[in-house]
């Protein structure tokens, strides 16, 4: 949705026009509002700076709350499922 927001902003097009929702004006208006609200909120958070002028968030994923923490690989669990070959 962020990509749609950015593309529509760059090409001066509404999101509903970009995805072909022009048949239903009410649906198009609601869709445009949702894309605008999401996109403008994410971009405002992405452009946020701390008092030293550094970005508050390190990545777009972090500012959207999507940053994941890596999990440890449990080789035993993978082997127990079967179908996994281990080269010696």
C-alpha atoms as a PDB file:
ATOM      1  CA  UNK A   1       0.000   0.000   0.000  1.00  0.00           C
ATOM      2  CA  UNK A   2       2.928   2.325   0.678  1.00  0.00           C
ATOM      3  CA  UNK A   3       4.204   1.741  -2.848  1.00  0.00           C
ATOM      4  CA  UNK A   4       0.753   2.609  -4.233  1.00  0.00           C
ATOM      5  CA  UNK A   5       0.698   5.788  -2.138  1.00  0.00           C
ATOM      6  CA  UNK A   6       4.139   6.857  -3.374  1.00  0.00           C
ATOM      7  CA  UNK A   7       3.395   6.011  -7.012  1.00  0.00           C
ATOM      8  CA  UNK A   8       0.105   7.892  -6.999  1.00  0.00           C
ATOM      9  CA  UNK A   9       1.711  10.887  -5.339  1.00  0.00           C
ATOM     10  CA  UNK A  10       4.499  10.944  -7.941  1.00  0.00           C
ATOM     11  CA  UNK A  11       2.147  10.606 -10.921  1.00  0.00           C
ATOM     12  CA  UNK A  12      -0.667  12.814  -9.553  1.00  0.00           C
ATOM     13  CA  UNK A  13      -3.191  10.008  -9.692  1.00  0.00           C
ATOM     14  CA  UNK A  14      -5.680   8.767  -7.119  1.00  0.00           C
ATOM     15  CA  UNK A  15      -5.178   5.253  -5.778  1.00  0.00           C
ATOM     16  CA  UNK A  16      -8.672   4.296  -6.913  1.00  0.00           C
ATOM     17  CA  UNK A  17      -7.801   5.292 -10.495  1.00  0.00           C
ATOM     18  CA  UNK A  18      -4.577   3.292 -10.307  1.00  0.00           C
ATOM     19  CA  UNK A  19      -6.384   0.082  -9.347  1.00  0.00           C
ATOM     20  CA  UNK A  20      -9.527   0.643 -11.428  1.00  0.00           C
ATOM     21  CA  UNK A  21     -12.132   1.456  -8.775  1.00  0.00           C
ATOM     22  CA  UNK A  22     -13.661   4.355 -10.673  1.00  0.00           C
ATOM     23  CA  UNK A  23     -17.004   2.535 -11.202  1.00  0.00           C
ATOM     24  CA  UNK A  24     -18.089   3.009  -7.596  1.00  0.00           C
ATOM     25  CA  UNK A  25     -17.501   6.597  -6.344  1.00  0.00           C
ATOM     26  CA  UNK A  26     -18.129   5.777  -2.671  1.00  0.00           C
ATOM     27  CA  UNK A  27     -15.767   2.798  -2.695  1.00  0.00           C
ATOM     28  CA  UNK A  28     -13.167   4.833  -4.598  1.00  0.00           C
ATOM     29  CA  UNK A  29     -13.375   7.636  -2.024  1.00  0.00           C
ATOM     30  CA  UNK A  30     -13.011   5.221   0.899  1.00  0.00           C
ATOM     31  CA  UNK A  31     -10.072   3.455  -0.774  1.00  0.00           C
ATOM     32  CA  UNK A  32      -8.347   6.783  -1.535  1.00  0.00           C
ATOM     33  CA  UNK A  33      -8.780   7.858   2.104  1.00  0.00           C
ATOM     34  CA  UNK A  34      -7.361   4.574   3.420  1.00  0.00           C
ATOM     35  CA  UNK A  35      -4.303   4.706   1.156  1.00  0.00           C
ATOM     36  CA  UNK A  36      -3.699   8.384   1.955  1.00  0.00           C
ATOM     37  CA  UNK A  37      -4.038   7.864   5.720  1.00  0.00           C
ATOM     38  CA  UNK A  38      -1.703   4.859   5.709  1.00  0.00           C
ATOM     39  CA  UNK A  39       0.857   6.419   3.370  1.00  0.00           C
ATOM     40  CA  UNK A  40       0.988   9.833   5.014  1.00  0.00           C
ATOM     41  CA  UNK A  41       1.256   8.292   8.495  1.00  0.00           C
ATOM     42  CA  UNK A  42       4.078   5.946   7.514  1.00  0.00           C
ATOM     43  CA  UNK A  43       5.977   8.659   5.659  1.00  0.00           C
ATOM     44  CA  UNK A  44       5.629  11.085   8.587  1.00  0.00           C
ATOM     45  CA  UNK A  45       7.047   8.447  10.930  1.00  0.00           C
ATOM     46  CA  UNK A  46       9.793   7.569   8.432  1.00  0.00           C
ATOM     47  CA  UNK A  47      10.825  11.226   8.132  1.00  0.00           C
ATOM     48  CA  UNK A  48      10.783  11.794  11.922  1.00  0.00           C
ATOM     49  CA  UNK A  49      14.097  12.928  13.402  1.00  0.00           C
ATOM     50  CA  UNK A  50      15.378  13.022  16.958  1.00  0.00           C
ATOM     51  CA  UNK A  51      16.893  16.110  18.601  1.00  0.00           C
ATOM     52  CA  UNK A  52      20.267  15.333  16.958  1.00  0.00           C
ATOM     53  CA  UNK A  53      18.749  15.166  13.487  1.00  0.00           C
ATOM     54  CA  UNK A  54      19.051  11.397  13.148  1.00  0.00           C
ATOM     55  CA  UNK A  55      16.214   9.202  11.928  1.00  0.00           C
ATOM     56  CA  UNK A  56      14.048   7.836  14.722  1.00  0.00           C
ATOM     57  CA  UNK A  57      13.479   4.567  12.849  1.00  0.00           C
ATOM     58  CA  UNK A  58      16.225   2.565  11.160  1.00  0.00           C
ATOM     59  CA  UNK A  59      13.966   1.064   8.482  1.00  0.00           C
ATOM     60  CA  UNK A  60      10.502   1.356   6.990  1.00  0.00           C
ATOM     61  CA  UNK A  61       9.669  -1.971   8.603  1.00  0.00           C
ATOM     62  CA  UNK A  62      10.549  -0.555  12.010  1.00  0.00           C
ATOM     63  CA  UNK A  63       8.423   2.561  11.585  1.00  0.00           C
ATOM     64  CA  UNK A  64       5.451   0.394  10.564  1.00  0.00           C
ATOM     65  CA  UNK A  65       6.032  -1.937  13.509  1.00  0.00           C
ATOM     66  CA  UNK A  66       6.895  -4.879  11.242  1.00  0.00           C
ATOM     67  CA  UNK A  67      10.463  -5.415  12.338  1.00  0.00           C
ATOM     68  CA  UNK A  68      11.013  -9.036  13.265  1.00  0.00           C
ATOM     69  CA  UNK A  69      13.600 -10.582  15.514  1.00  0.00           C
ATOM     70  CA  UNK A  70      15.549 -13.527  14.131  1.00  0.00           C
ATOM     71  CA  UNK A  71      14.758 -16.860  15.733  1.00  0.00           C
ATOM     72  CA  UNK A  72      17.306 -19.555  16.498  1.00  0.00           C
ATOM     73  CA  UNK A  73      17.247 -22.465  14.104  1.00  0.00           C
ATOM     74  CA  UNK A  74      16.223 -25.727  15.741  1.00  0.00           C
ATOM     75  CA  UNK A  75      17.901 -28.358  13.570  1.00  0.00           C
ATOM     76  CA  UNK A  76      16.485 -31.208  15.639  1.00  0.00           C
ATOM     77  CA  UNK A  77      12.920 -30.051  14.956  1.00  0.00           C
ATOM     78  CA  UNK A  78      13.642 -29.821  11.232  1.00  0.00           C
ATOM     79  CA  UNK A  79      15.116 -33.319  11.152  1.00  0.00           C
ATOM     80  CA  UNK A  80      12.147 -34.696  13.103  1.00  0.00           C
ATOM     81  CA  UNK A  81       9.783 -33.449  10.376  1.00  0.00           C
ATOM     82  CA  UNK A  82      11.550 -35.588   7.820  1.00  0.00           C
ATOM     83  CA  UNK A  83      12.427 -34.734   4.255  1.00  0.00           C
ATOM     84  CA  UNK A  84      15.531 -32.841   5.342  1.00  0.00           C
ATOM     85  CA  UNK A  85      18.920 -34.139   4.299  1.00  0.00           C
ATOM     86  CA  UNK A  86      22.086 -33.248   6.137  1.00  0.00           C
ATOM     87  CA  UNK A  87      25.351 -33.466   4.218  1.00  0.00           C
ATOM     88  CA  UNK A  88      28.270 -34.897   6.121  1.00  0.00           C
END
